[in-house]
Amino acid sequence: MYCYGIVGSFLRPAELKQARADFENGKINKDELRKIEDKCIKELVEKEKKLNLPFITDGEFRREYWHLDFLAGIGGVKKVISKEWSVKFKDSSPKANTIIINDKI
């Protein structure tokens, strides 16, 4: 027997991962990304209904980071791309997203 708990976060489908990469690279705009997010969320909701889950979640498909999205929503906090390169991961060393305090909190 396996015990599990659904916390609301689901793995993003390949289509959504590609759309996010395309958005970051300027290939699609925010509205186009939103349409793909909406489509993927609707598909997930249908799966959740078919499985008779006790609650329905959007899978956190619009979430970028588990902590920065929340923190950047606080007044006086701004999300920025760091000046330094982050650690190497999968042959890539992108500049990391982070936050700065830019006003009174």
Foldseek 3Di string as FASTA:
>chain_A
DDDDDDPQADDQDPQLVVLVVCCVVVNDDPVVSVVSLVVRQVVQQVVCVVVVPVDHHSNCSVPDDPPVVVVCPDPQKHKDFDPDWDDDDPNDTHGDIDMDRRDDD
